[in-house]
Amino acid sequence: MAKCIYCKEKSGFFKAVCSDCSVLLKAVQGLGASFSFREMLDALMATPASNEKIEKFLDADIQGQGSIRDFITARMTNELARTVGQPTDTDPLKVKKIREEEKTRPQPLRRPGEADPFRR
């Protein structure tokens, strides 16, 4: 039995995408070219897929060029930068690199309840 290219769960014989991820993909494709992250999440939450499946779908990096979440983050970053008149060239690979670097960055030790010094 094949595994889904998005969630890595069973997809059935000769199928690259499971039924849940197929529904999620259609929901995203139905949004058109310009949509907010909130609109996308609302569309995904309206499907019968579980929250866990939605997270796996958004984190899928099928071609090694960044996850669906990375593509959306790059697009939103570029739209925001253009809106405020700033030059931008953010792409999904840059977002992926930043996300991966953040995972390996040592985190400062904090006591329970202590605020993160890097967040305002």
PDB file of N, CA and C in Angstrom:
ATOM      1  N   MET A   1       0.843  -1.174   0.000  1.00  0.00           N
ATOM      2  CA  MET A   1       0.000   0.000   0.000  1.00  0.00           C
ATOM      3  C   MET A   1       0.893   1.243   0.000  1.00  0.00           C
ATOM      4  N   ALA A   2       0.523   2.232  -0.802  1.00  0.00           N
ATOM      5  CA  ALA A   2       1.303   3.458  -0.933  1.00  0.00           C
ATOM      6  C   ALA A   2       1.064   4.387   0.256  1.00  0.00           C
ATOM      7  N   LYS A   3       2.011   5.314   0.439  1.00  0.00           N
ATOM      8  CA  LYS A   3       1.874   6.320   1.491  1.00  0.00           C
ATOM      9  C   LYS A   3       1.612   7.680   0.856  1.00  0.00           C
ATOM     10  N   CYS A   4       0.817   8.471   1.523  1.00  0.00           N
ATOM     11  CA  CYS A   4       0.465   9.814   1.065  1.00  0.00           C
ATOM     12  C   CYS A   4       1.713  10.698   1.046  1.00  0.00           C
ATOM     13  N   ILE A   5       1.880  11.482  -0.014  1.00  0.00           N
ATOM     14  CA  ILE A   5       3.054  12.349  -0.116  1.00  0.00           C
ATOM     15  C   ILE A   5       2.989  13.518   0.862  1.00  0.00           C
ATOM     16  N   TYR A   6       1.814  13.806   1.395  1.00  0.00           N
ATOM     17  CA  TYR A   6       1.665  14.907   2.339  1.00  0.00           C
ATOM     18  C   TYR A   6       1.804  14.460   3.791  1.00  0.00           C
ATOM     19  N   CYS A   7       0.991  13.508   4.204  1.00  0.00           N
ATOM     20  CA  CYS A   7       0.950  13.137   5.624  1.00  0.00           C
ATOM     21  C   CYS A   7       1.717  11.858   5.945  1.00  0.00           C
ATOM     22  N   LYS A   8       2.163  11.146   4.927  1.00  0.00           N
ATOM     23  CA  LYS A   8       2.943   9.900   5.070  1.00  0.00           C
ATOM     24  C   LYS A   8       2.124   8.750   5.652  1.00  0.00           C
ATOM     25  N   GLU A   9       0.801   8.873   5.649  1.00  0.00           N
ATOM     26  CA  GLU A   9      -0.059   7.786   6.093  1.00  0.00           C
ATOM     27  C   GLU A   9      -0.535   6.997   4.874  1.00  0.00           C
ATOM     28  N   LYS A  10      -1.178   5.873   5.093  1.00  0.00           N
ATOM     29  CA  LYS A  10      -1.640   5.026   3.993  1.00  0.00           C
ATOM     30  C   LYS A  10      -2.591   5.804   3.085  1.00  0.00           C
ATOM     31  N   SER A  11      -2.354   5.660   1.769  1.00  0.00           N
ATOM     32  CA  SER A  11      -3.200   6.369   0.812  1.00  0.00           C
ATOM     33  C   SER A  11      -3.990   5.436  -0.091  1.00  0.00           C
ATOM     34  N   GLY A  12      -3.699   4.162  -0.043  1.00  0.00           N
ATOM     35  CA  GLY A  12      -4.400   3.206  -0.894  1.00  0.00           C
ATOM     36  C   GLY A  12      -3.506   2.755  -2.037  1.00  0.00           C
ATOM     37  N   PHE A  13      -3.975   1.793  -2.780  1.00  0.00           N
ATOM     38  CA  PHE A  13      -3.202   1.267  -3.898  1.00  0.00           C
ATOM     39  C   PHE A  13      -3.134   2.289  -5.027  1.00  0.00           C
ATOM     40  N   PHE A  14      -1.934   2.533  -5.523  1.00  0.00           N
ATOM     41  CA  PHE A  14      -1.689   3.403  -6.678  1.00  0.00           C
ATOM     42  C   PHE A  14      -2.149   4.842  -6.469  1.00  0.00           C
ATOM     43  N   LYS A  15      -2.275   5.283  -5.227  1.00  0.00           N
ATOM     44  CA  LYS A  15      -2.674   6.656  -4.940  1.00  0.00           C
ATOM     45  C   LYS A  15      -1.528   7.368  -4.231  1.00  0.00           C
ATOM     46  N   ALA A  16      -1.184   8.558  -4.702  1.00  0.00           N
ATOM     47  CA  ALA A  16      -0.111   9.329  -4.081  1.00  0.00           C
ATOM     48  C   ALA A  16      -0.621  10.185  -2.931  1.00  0.00           C
ATOM     49  N   VAL A  17      -1.921  10.464  -2.919  1.00  0.00           N
ATOM     50  CA  VAL A  17      -2.503  11.352  -1.914  1.00  0.00           C
ATOM     51  C   VAL A  17      -3.698  10.651  -1.265  1.00  0.00           C
ATOM     52  N   CYS A  18      -3.735  10.664   0.070  1.00  0.00           N
ATOM     53  CA  CYS A  18      -4.857  10.049   0.796  1.00  0.00           C
ATOM     54  C   CYS A  18      -6.110  10.915   0.633  1.00  0.00           C
ATOM     55  N   SER A  19      -7.237  10.381   1.017  1.00  0.00           N
ATOM     56  CA  SER A  19      -8.504  11.098   0.829  1.00  0.00           C
ATOM     57  C   SER A  19      -8.561  12.390   1.651  1.00  0.00           C
ATOM     58  N   ASP A  20      -8.063  12.375   2.898  1.00  0.00           N
ATOM     59  CA  ASP A  20      -8.070  13.598   3.718  1.00  0.00           C
ATOM     60  C   ASP A  20      -7.218  14.694   3.087  1.00  0.00           C
ATOM     61  N   CYS A  21      -6.004  14.349   2.681  1.00  0.00           N
ATOM     62  CA  CYS A  21      -5.111  15.354   2.091  1.00  0.00           C
ATOM     63  C   CYS A  21      -5.627  15.830   0.738  1.00  0.00           C
ATOM     64  N   SER A  22      -6.323  14.969   0.020  1.00  0.00           N
ATOM     65  CA  SER A  22      -6.934  15.364  -1.245  1.00  0.00           C
ATOM     66  C   SER A  22      -7.988  16.442  -1.005  1.00  0.00           C
ATOM     67  N   VAL A  23      -8.789  16.262   0.041  1.00  0.00           N
ATOM     68  CA  VAL A  23      -9.805  17.257   0.400  1.00  0.00           C
ATOM     69  C   VAL A  23      -9.128  18.558   0.833  1.00  0.00           C
ATOM     70  N   LEU A  24      -8.052  18.459   1.612  1.00  0.00           N
ATOM     71  CA  LEU A  24      -7.324  19.653   2.059  1.00  0.00           C
ATOM     72  C   LEU A  24      -6.721  20.393   0.871  1.00  0.00           C
ATOM     73  N   LEU A  25      -6.153  19.651  -0.064  1.00  0.00           N
ATOM     74  CA  LEU A  25      -5.552  20.254  -1.255  1.00  0.00           C
ATOM     75  C   LEU A  25      -6.610  20.986  -2.077  1.00  0.00           C
ATOM     76  N   LYS A  26      -7.765  20.383  -2.252  1.00  0.00           N
ATOM     77  CA  LYS A  26      -8.852  21.031  -2.994  1.00  0.00           C
ATOM     78  C   LYS A  26      -9.323  22.292  -2.275  1.00  0.00           C
ATOM     79  N   ALA A  27      -9.339  22.263  -0.944  1.00  0.00           N
ATOM     80  CA  ALA A  27      -9.751  23.443  -0.172  1.00  0.00           C
ATOM     81  C   ALA A  27      -8.779  24.598  -0.397  1.00  0.00           C
ATOM     82  N   VAL A  28      -7.482  24.309  -0.415  1.00  0.00           N
ATOM     83  CA  VAL A  28      -6.475  25.356  -0.643  1.00  0.00           C
ATOM     84  C   VAL A  28      -6.554  25.853  -2.080  1.00  0.00           C
ATOM     85  N   GLN A  29      -6.681  24.946  -3.033  1.00  0.00           N
ATOM     86  CA  GLN A  29      -6.764  25.340  -4.439  1.00  0.00           C
ATOM     87  C   GLN A  29      -8.012  26.165  -4.712  1.00  0.00           C
ATOM     88  N   GLY A  30      -9.071  25.936  -3.958  1.00  0.00           N
ATOM     89  CA  GLY A  30     -10.307  26.683  -4.132  1.00  0.00           C
ATOM     90  C   GLY A  30     -10.251  28.110  -3.612  1.00  0.00           C
ATOM     91  N   LEU A  31      -9.189  28.461  -2.916  1.00  0.00           N
ATOM     92  CA  LEU A  31      -9.070  29.808  -2.353  1.00  0.00           C
ATOM     93  C   LEU A  31      -8.675  30.852  -3.389  1.00  0.00           C
ATOM     94  N   GLY A  32      -8.106  30.447  -4.499  1.00  0.00           N
ATOM     95  CA  GLY A  32      -7.657  31.397  -5.503  1.00  0.00           C
ATOM     96  C   GLY A  32      -6.232  31.850  -5.240  1.00  0.00           C
ATOM     97  N   ALA A  33      -5.834  32.919  -5.923  1.00  0.00           N
ATOM     98  CA  ALA A  33      -4.439  33.363  -5.872  1.00  0.00           C
ATOM     99  C   ALA A  33      -4.098  34.158  -4.618  1.00  0.00           C
ATOM    100  N   SER A  34      -5.023  34.944  -4.126  1.00  0.00           N
ATOM    101  CA  SER A  34      -4.721  35.805  -2.982  1.00  0.00           C
ATOM    102  C   SER A  34      -5.683  35.492  -1.839  1.00  0.00           C
ATOM    103  N   PHE A  35      -5.119  35.026  -0.735  1.00  0.00           N
ATOM    104  CA  PHE A  35      -5.931  34.711   0.432  1.00  0.00           C
ATOM    105  C   PHE A  35      -5.098  34.940   1.675  1.00  0.00           C
ATOM    106  N   SER A  36      -5.793  35.201   2.765  1.00  0.00           N
ATOM    107  CA  SER A  36      -5.090  35.398   4.030  1.00  0.00           C
ATOM    108  C   SER A  36      -4.864  34.046   4.698  1.00  0.00           C
ATOM    109  N   PHE A  37      -3.943  34.032   5.633  1.00  0.00           N
ATOM    110  CA  PHE A  37      -3.673  32.799   6.375  1.00  0.00           C
ATOM    111  C   PHE A  37      -4.935  32.376   7.123  1.00  0.00           C
ATOM    112  N   ARG A  38      -5.663  33.342   7.637  1.00  0.00           N
ATOM    113  CA  ARG A  38      -6.908  33.062   8.368  1.00  0.00           C
ATOM    114  C   ARG A  38      -7.939  32.406   7.453  1.00  0.00           C
ATOM    115  N   GLU A  39      -8.080  32.928   6.229  1.00  0.00           N
ATOM    116  CA  GLU A  39      -9.023  32.342   5.273  1.00  0.00           C
ATOM    117  C   GLU A  39      -8.644  30.904   4.955  1.00  0.00           C
ATOM    118  N   MET A  40      -7.347  30.662   4.805  1.00  0.00           N
ATOM    119  CA  MET A  40      -6.891  29.313   4.507  1.00  0.00           C
ATOM    120  C   MET A  40      -7.194  28.376   5.679  1.00  0.00           C
ATOM    121  N   LEU A  41      -6.884  28.818   6.892  1.00  0.00           N
ATOM    122  CA  LEU A  41      -7.156  27.980   8.060  1.00  0.00           C
ATOM    123  C   LEU A  41      -8.646  27.701   8.209  1.00  0.00           C
ATOM    124  N   ASP A  42      -9.476  28.706   7.955  1.00  0.00           N
ATOM    125  CA  ASP A  42     -10.926  28.497   8.022  1.00  0.00           C
ATOM    126  C   ASP A  42     -11.368  27.454   7.001  1.00  0.00           C
ATOM    127  N   ALA A  43     -10.813  27.532   5.785  1.00  0.00           N
ATOM    128  CA  ALA A  43     -11.162  26.563   4.735  1.00  0.00           C
ATOM    129  C   ALA A  43     -10.709  25.159   5.124  1.00  0.00           C
ATOM    130  N   LEU A  44      -9.514  25.049   5.702  1.00  0.00           N
ATOM    131  CA  LEU A  44      -9.006  23.737   6.106  1.00  0.00           C
ATOM    132  C   LEU A  44      -9.802  23.175   7.279  1.00  0.00           C
ATOM    133  N   MET A  45     -10.161  24.036   8.222  1.00  0.00           N
ATOM    134  CA  MET A  45     -10.927  23.584   9.387  1.00  0.00           C
ATOM    135  C   MET A  45     -12.347  23.159   9.001  1.00  0.00           C
ATOM    136  N   ALA A  46     -12.842  23.661   7.876  1.00  0.00           N
ATOM    137  CA  ALA A  46     -14.182  23.295   7.413  1.00  0.00           C
ATOM    138  C   ALA A  46     -14.211  21.898   6.788  1.00  0.00           C
ATOM    139  N   THR A  47     -13.046  21.315   6.554  1.00  0.00           N
ATOM    140  CA  THR A  47     -12.984  19.960   5.994  1.00  0.00           C
ATOM    141  C   THR A  47     -13.125  18.944   7.127  1.00  0.00           C
ATOM    142  N   PRO A  48     -13.386  17.687   6.786  1.00  0.00           N
ATOM    143  CA  PRO A  48     -13.497  16.664   7.834  1.00  0.00           C
ATOM    144  C   PRO A  48     -12.145  16.194   8.389  1.00  0.00           C
ATOM    145  N   ALA A  49     -11.041  16.726   7.887  1.00  0.00           N
ATOM    146  CA  ALA A  49      -9.709  16.303   8.338  1.00  0.00           C
ATOM    147  C   ALA A  49      -9.453  16.768   9.770  1.00  0.00           C
ATOM    148  N   SER A  50      -8.704  15.958  10.518  1.00  0.00           N
ATOM    149  CA  SER A  50      -8.366  16.298  11.906  1.00  0.00           C
ATOM    150  C   SER A  50      -7.324  17.414  11.936  1.00  0.00           C
ATOM    151  N   ASN A  51      -7.207  18.066  13.086  1.00  0.00           N
ATOM    152  CA  ASN A  51      -6.192  19.114  13.247  1.00  0.00           C
ATOM    153  C   ASN A  51      -4.794  18.558  13.017  1.00  0.00           C
ATOM    154  N   GLU A  52      -4.548  17.349  13.492  1.00  0.00           N
ATOM    155  CA  GLU A  52      -3.248  16.706  13.307  1.00  0.00           C
ATOM    156  C   GLU A  52      -2.951  16.511  11.818  1.00  0.00           C
ATOM    157  N   LYS A  53      -3.946  16.105  11.057  1.00  0.00           N
ATOM    158  CA  LYS A  53      -3.772  15.898   9.616  1.00  0.00           C
ATOM    159  C   LYS A  53      -3.516  17.231   8.911  1.00  0.00           C
ATOM    160  N   ILE A  54      -4.202  18.284   9.346  1.00  0.00           N
ATOM    161  CA  ILE A  54      -3.997  19.613   8.763  1.00  0.00           C
ATOM    162  C   ILE A  54      -2.564  20.072   9.016  1.00  0.00           C
ATOM    163  N   GLU A  55      -2.057  19.869  10.227  1.00  0.00           N
ATOM    164  CA  GLU A  55      -0.675  20.242  10.550  1.00  0.00           C
ATOM    165  C   GLU A  55       0.318  19.482   9.670  1.00  0.00           C
ATOM    166  N   LYS A  56       0.106  18.182   9.505  1.00  0.00           N
ATOM    167  CA  LYS A  56       0.990  17.382   8.647  1.00  0.00           C
ATOM    168  C   LYS A  56       0.937  17.884   7.213  1.00  0.00           C
ATOM    169  N   PHE A  57      -0.254  18.217   6.747  1.00  0.00           N
ATOM    170  CA  PHE A  57      -0.437  18.728   5.387  1.00  0.00           C
ATOM    171  C   PHE A  57       0.333  20.033   5.202  1.00  0.00           C
ATOM    172  N   LEU A  58       0.199  20.962   6.146  1.00  0.00           N
ATOM    173  CA  LEU A  58       0.879  22.255   6.042  1.00  0.00           C
ATOM    174  C   LEU A  58       2.394  22.123   6.142  1.00  0.00           C
ATOM    175  N   ASP A  59       2.871  21.118   6.860  1.00  0.00           N
ATOM    176  CA  ASP A  59       4.310  20.925   7.042  1.00  0.00           C
ATOM    177  C   ASP A  59       4.947  20.052   5.968  1.00  0.00           C
ATOM    178  N   ALA A  60       4.152  19.546   5.027  1.00  0.00           N
ATOM    179  CA  ALA A  60       4.677  18.666   3.975  1.00  0.00           C
ATOM    180  C   ALA A  60       5.633  19.442   3.070  1.00  0.00           C
ATOM    181  N   ASP A  61       6.813  18.889   2.884  1.00  0.00           N
ATOM    182  CA  ASP A  61       7.836  19.470   2.006  1.00  0.00           C
ATOM    183  C   ASP A  61       8.111  18.443   0.908  1.00  0.00           C
ATOM    184  N   ILE A  62       7.244  18.397  -0.063  1.00  0.00           N
ATOM    185  CA  ILE A  62       7.237  17.335  -1.064  1.00  0.00           C
ATOM    186  C   ILE A  62       8.471  17.354  -1.956  1.00  0.00           C
ATOM    187  N   GLN A  63       8.877  18.518  -2.422  1.00  0.00           N
ATOM    188  CA  GLN A  63       9.983  18.610  -3.373  1.00  0.00           C
ATOM    189  C   GLN A  63      11.256  19.168  -2.752  1.00  0.00           C
ATOM    190  N   GLY A  64      11.285  19.332  -1.444  1.00  0.00           N
ATOM    191  CA  GLY A  64      12.463  19.885  -0.791  1.00  0.00           C
ATOM    192  C   GLY A  64      12.628  21.378  -1.003  1.00  0.00           C
ATOM    193  N   GLN A  65      11.575  22.039  -1.466  1.00  0.00           N
ATOM    194  CA  GLN A  65      11.620  23.473  -1.736  1.00  0.00           C
ATOM    195  C   GLN A  65      10.906  24.284  -0.666  1.00  0.00           C
ATOM    196  N   GLY A  66      10.550  23.652   0.420  1.00  0.00           N
ATOM    197  CA  GLY A  66       9.818  24.315   1.491  1.00  0.00           C
ATOM    198  C   GLY A  66       8.429  23.725   1.613  1.00  0.00           C
ATOM    199  N   SER A  67       7.884  23.807   2.803  1.00  0.00           N
ATOM    200  CA  SER A  67       6.553  23.252   3.062  1.00  0.00           C
ATOM    201  C   SER A  67       5.476  24.196   2.528  1.00  0.00           C
ATOM    202  N   ILE A  68       4.252  23.724   2.545  1.00  0.00           N
ATOM    203  CA  ILE A  68       3.124  24.567   2.149  1.00  0.00           C
ATOM    204  C   ILE A  68       3.084  25.796   3.050  1.00  0.00           C
ATOM    205  N   ARG A  69       3.330  25.588   4.333  1.00  0.00           N
ATOM    206  CA  ARG A  69       3.374  26.698   5.290  1.00  0.00           C
ATOM    207  C   ARG A  69       4.482  27.694   4.913  1.00  0.00           C
ATOM    208  N   ASP A  70       5.640  27.196   4.444  1.00  0.00           N
ATOM    209  CA  ASP A  70       6.742  28.069   4.030  1.00  0.00           C
ATOM    210  C   ASP A  70       6.357  28.904   2.809  1.00  0.00           C
ATOM    211  N   PHE A  71       5.670  28.288   1.839  1.00  0.00           N
ATOM    212  CA  PHE A  71       5.220  29.017   0.652  1.00  0.00           C
ATOM    213  C   PHE A  71       4.273  30.143   1.045  1.00  0.00           C
ATOM    214  N   ILE A  72       3.344  29.846   1.936  1.00  0.00           N
ATOM    215  CA  ILE A  72       2.365  30.843   2.356  1.00  0.00           C
ATOM    216  C   ILE A  72       3.041  31.952   3.154  1.00  0.00           C
ATOM    217  N   THR A  73       3.960  31.590   4.036  1.00  0.00           N
ATOM    218  CA  THR A  73       4.690  32.592   4.823  1.00  0.00           C
ATOM    219  C   THR A  73       5.502  33.504   3.917  1.00  0.00           C
ATOM    220  N   ALA A  74       6.171  32.938   2.911  1.00  0.00           N
ATOM    221  CA  ALA A  74       6.960  33.741   1.970  1.00  0.00           C
ATOM    222  C   ALA A  74       6.058  34.707   1.204  1.00  0.00           C
ATOM    223  N   ARG A  75       4.936  34.215   0.730  1.00  0.00           N
ATOM    224  CA  ARG A  75       4.015  35.067  -0.023  1.00  0.00           C
ATOM    225  C   ARG A  75       3.491  36.201   0.840  1.00  0.00           C
ATOM    226  N   MET A  76       3.092  35.885   2.074  1.00  0.00           N
ATOM    227  CA  MET A  76       2.563  36.907   2.968  1.00  0.00           C
ATOM    228  C   MET A  76       3.638  37.922   3.348  1.00  0.00           C
ATOM    229  N   THR A  77       4.870  37.460   3.545  1.00  0.00           N
ATOM    230  CA  THR A  77       5.978  38.361   3.866  1.00  0.00           C
ATOM    231  C   THR A  77       6.223  39.333   2.720  1.00  0.00           C
ATOM    232  N   ASN A  78       6.226  38.824   1.496  1.00  0.00           N
ATOM    233  CA  ASN A  78       6.437  39.675   0.326  1.00  0.00           C
ATOM    234  C   ASN A  78       5.303  40.681   0.153  1.00  0.00           C
ATOM    235  N   GLU A  79       4.065  40.251   0.355  1.00  0.00           N
ATOM    236  CA  GLU A  79       2.925  41.167   0.243  1.00  0.00           C
ATOM    237  C   GLU A  79       3.014  42.277   1.281  1.00  0.00           C
ATOM    238  N   LEU A  80       3.364  41.917   2.506  1.00  0.00           N
ATOM    239  CA  LEU A  80       3.486  42.911   3.568  1.00  0.00           C
ATOM    240  C   LEU A  80       4.616  43.894   3.269  1.00  0.00           C
ATOM    241  N   ALA A  81       5.760  43.391   2.842  1.00  0.00           N
ATOM    242  CA  ALA A  81       6.899  44.260   2.534  1.00  0.00           C
ATOM    243  C   ALA A  81       6.552  45.225   1.400  1.00  0.00           C
ATOM    244  N   ARG A  82       5.895  44.728   0.359  1.00  0.00           N
ATOM    245  CA  ARG A  82       5.506  45.594  -0.756  1.00  0.00           C
ATOM    246  C   ARG A  82       4.517  46.659  -0.296  1.00  0.00           C
ATOM    247  N   THR A  83       3.616  46.286   0.597  1.00  0.00           N
ATOM    248  CA  THR A  83       2.611  47.219   1.094  1.00  0.00           C
ATOM    249  C   THR A  83       3.255  48.394   1.819  1.00  0.00           C
ATOM    250  N   VAL A  84       4.326  48.139   2.549  1.00  0.00           N
ATOM    251  CA  VAL A  84       5.005  49.217   3.278  1.00  0.00           C
ATOM    252  C   VAL A  84       6.164  49.801   2.480  1.00  0.00           C
ATOM    253  N   GLY A  85       6.263  49.438   1.200  1.00  0.00           N
ATOM    254  CA  GLY A  85       7.252  50.030   0.312  1.00  0.00           C
ATOM    255  C   GLY A  85       8.666  49.510   0.464  1.00  0.00           C
ATOM    256  N   GLN A  86       8.828  48.322   0.967  1.00  0.00           N
ATOM    257  CA  GLN A  86      10.160  47.745   1.157  1.00  0.00           C
ATOM    258  C   GLN A  86      10.462  46.730   0.062  1.00  0.00           C
ATOM    259  N   PRO A  87      11.720  46.701  -0.391  1.00  0.00           N
ATOM    260  CA  PRO A  87      12.087  45.668  -1.365  1.00  0.00           C
ATOM    261  C   PRO A  87      12.077  44.300  -0.686  1.00  0.00           C
ATOM    262  N   THR A  88      11.739  43.290  -1.442  1.00  0.00           N
ATOM    263  CA  THR A  88      11.659  41.957  -0.852  1.00  0.00           C
ATOM    264  C   THR A  88      11.966  40.894  -1.889  1.00  0.00           C
ATOM    265  N   ASP A  89      12.545  39.814  -1.429  1.00  0.00           N
ATOM    266  CA  ASP A  89      12.800  38.667  -2.308  1.00  0.00           C
ATOM    267  C   ASP A  89      12.700  37.371  -1.504  1.00  0.00           C
ATOM    268  N   THR A  90      11.833  37.371  -0.517  1.00  0.00           N
ATOM    269  CA  THR A  90      11.668  36.187   0.323  1.00  0.00           C
ATOM    270  C   THR A  90      11.033  35.069  -0.489  1.00  0.00           C
ATOM    271  N   ASP A  91      11.638  33.892  -0.423  1.00  0.00           N
ATOM    272  CA  ASP A  91      11.071  32.728  -1.097  1.00  0.00           C
ATOM    273  C   ASP A  91      10.934  31.596  -0.084  1.00  0.00           C
ATOM    274  N   PRO A  92      10.229  30.536  -0.447  1.00  0.00           N
ATOM    275  CA  PRO A  92      10.005  29.439   0.502  1.00  0.00           C
ATOM    276  C   PRO A  92      11.292  28.810   1.036  1.00  0.00           C
ATOM    277  N   LEU A  93      12.347  28.773   0.224  1.00  0.00           N
ATOM    278  CA  LEU A  93      13.609  28.200   0.703  1.00  0.00           C
ATOM    279  C   LEU A  93      14.226  29.044   1.811  1.00  0.00           C
ATOM    280  N   LYS A  94      14.102  30.371   1.705  1.00  0.00           N
ATOM    281  CA  LYS A  94      14.610  31.241   2.769  1.00  0.00           C
ATOM    282  C   LYS A  94      13.810  31.043   4.055  1.00  0.00           C
ATOM    283  N   VAL A  95      12.502  30.926   3.913  1.00  0.00           N
ATOM    284  CA  VAL A  95      11.654  30.688   5.086  1.00  0.00           C
ATOM    285  C   VAL A  95      12.023  29.355   5.726  1.00  0.00           C
ATOM    286  N   LYS A  96      12.222  28.334   4.897  1.00  0.00           N
ATOM    287  CA  LYS A  96      12.599  27.005   5.399  1.00  0.00           C
ATOM    288  C   LYS A  96      13.928  27.079   6.146  1.00  0.00           C
ATOM    289  N   LYS A  97      14.893  27.800   5.575  1.00  0.00           N
ATOM    290  CA  LYS A  97      16.211  27.927   6.208  1.00  0.00           C
ATOM    291  C   LYS A  97      16.090  28.613   7.571  1.00  0.00           C
ATOM    292  N   ILE A  98      15.326  29.693   7.634  1.00  0.00           N
ATOM    293  CA  ILE A  98      15.136  30.410   8.900  1.00  0.00           C
ATOM    294  C   ILE A  98      14.459  29.503   9.924  1.00  0.00           C
ATOM    295  N   ARG A  99      13.430  28.775   9.489  1.00  0.00           N
ATOM    296  CA  ARG A  99      12.708  27.869  10.391  1.00  0.00           C
ATOM    297  C   ARG A  99      13.633  26.791  10.937  1.00  0.00           C
ATOM    298  N   GLU A 100      14.480  26.228  10.076  1.00  0.00           N
ATOM    299  CA  GLU A 100      15.400  25.178  10.515  1.00  0.00           C
ATOM    300  C   GLU A 100      16.491  25.730  11.429  1.00  0.00           C
ATOM    301  N   GLU A 101      16.978  26.944  11.145  1.00  0.00           N
ATOM    302  CA  GLU A 101      17.978  27.566  12.016  1.00  0.00           C
ATOM    303  C   GLU A 101      17.389  27.861  13.391  1.00  0.00           C
ATOM    304  N   GLU A 102      16.136  28.258  13.421  1.00  0.00           N
ATOM    305  CA  GLU A 102      15.472  28.560  14.696  1.00  0.00           C
ATOM    306  C   GLU A 102      15.401  27.322  15.585  1.00  0.00           C
ATOM    307  N   LYS A 103      15.212  26.162  14.967  1.00  0.00           N
ATOM    308  CA  LYS A 103      15.145  24.914  15.738  1.00  0.00           C
ATOM    309  C   LYS A 103      16.474  24.587  16.405  1.00  0.00           C
ATOM    310  N   THR A 104      17.583  24.948  15.766  1.00  0.00           N
ATOM    311  CA  THR A 104      18.900  24.597  16.299  1.00  0.00           C
ATOM    312  C   THR A 104      19.499  25.694  17.173  1.00  0.00           C
ATOM    313  N   ARG A 105      18.896  26.878  17.172  1.00  0.00           N
ATOM    314  CA  ARG A 105      19.410  27.986  17.976  1.00  0.00           C
ATOM    315  C   ARG A 105      19.238  27.658  19.450  1.00  0.00           C
ATOM    316  N   PRO A 106      20.285  27.820  20.239  1.00  0.00           N
ATOM    317  CA  PRO A 106      20.147  27.545  21.673  1.00  0.00           C
ATOM    318  C   PRO A 106      19.147  28.513  22.304  1.00  0.00           C
ATOM    319  N   GLN A 107      18.283  27.966  23.103  1.00  0.00           N
ATOM    320  CA  GLN A 107      17.266  28.771  23.764  1.00  0.00           C
ATOM    321  C   GLN A 107      17.779  29.224  25.126  1.00  0.00           C
ATOM    322  N   PRO A 108      17.545  30.494  25.485  1.00  0.00           N
ATOM    323  CA  PRO A 108      17.988  30.959  26.801  1.00  0.00           C
ATOM    324  C   PRO A 108      17.219  30.239  27.905  1.00  0.00           C
ATOM    325  N   LEU A 109      17.913  29.980  28.993  1.00  0.00           N
ATOM    326  CA  LEU A 109      17.262  29.338  30.135  1.00  0.00           C
ATOM    327  C   LEU A 109      16.410  30.368  30.863  1.00  0.00           C
ATOM    328  N   ARG A 110      15.166  30.002  31.131  1.00  0.00           N
ATOM    329  CA  ARG A 110      14.255  30.897  31.846  1.00  0.00           C
ATOM    330  C   ARG A 110      13.564  30.118  32.947  1.00  0.00           C
ATOM    331  N   ARG A 111      13.264  30.826  33.994  1.00  0.00           N
ATOM    332  CA  ARG A 111      12.488  30.228  35.072  1.00  0.00           C
ATOM    333  C   ARG A 111      11.026  30.184  34.644  1.00  0.00           C
ATOM    334  N   PRO A 112      10.255  29.272  35.210  1.00  0.00           N
ATOM    335  CA  PRO A 112       8.826  29.220  34.874  1.00  0.00           C
ATOM    336  C   PRO A 112       8.162  30.568  35.116  1.00  0.00           C
ATOM    337  N   GLY A 113       7.415  31.037  34.130  1.00  0.00           N
ATOM    338  CA  GLY A 113       6.714  32.309  34.240  1.00  0.00           C
ATOM    339  C   GLY A 113       7.530  33.506  33.795  1.00  0.00           C
ATOM    340  N   GLU A 114       8.828  33.330  33.571  1.00  0.00           N
ATOM    341  CA  GLU A 114       9.685  34.431  33.140  1.00  0.00           C
ATOM    342  C   GLU A 114       9.446  34.708  31.658  1.00  0.00           C
ATOM    343  N   ALA A 115       9.390  35.983  31.292  1.00  0.00           N
ATOM    344  CA  ALA A 115       9.117  36.373  29.912  1.00  0.00           C
ATOM    345  C   ALA A 115      10.314  36.086  29.011  1.00  0.00           C
ATOM    346  N   ASP A 116      10.029  35.824  27.743  1.00  0.00           N
ATOM    347  CA  ASP A 116      11.069  35.619  26.738  1.00  0.00           C
ATOM    348  C   ASP A 116      11.702  36.975  26.442  1.00  0.00           C
ATOM    349  N   PRO A 117      13.017  37.141  26.638  1.00  0.00           N
ATOM    350  CA  PRO A 117      13.652  38.442  26.426  1.00  0.00           C
ATOM    351  C   PRO A 117      13.670  38.869  24.960  1.00  0.00           C
ATOM    352  N   PHE A 118      13.445  37.946  24.025  1.00  0.00           N
ATOM    353  CA  PHE A 118      13.477  38.276  22.606  1.00  0.00           C
ATOM    354  C   PHE A 118      12.100  38.627  22.058  1.00  0.00           C
ATOM    355  N   ARG A 119      11.092  38.530  22.881  1.00  0.00           N
ATOM    356  CA  ARG A 119       9.732  38.860  22.438  1.00  0.00           C
ATOM    357  C   ARG A 119       9.253  40.082  23.206  1.00  0.00           C
ATOM    358  N   ARG A 120       8.491  40.880  22.534  1.00  0.00           N
ATOM    359  CA  ARG A 120       7.970  42.100  23.163  1.00  0.00           C
ATOM    360  C   ARG A 120       6.537  41.933  23.520  1.00  0.00           C
TER     361      ARG A 120
END
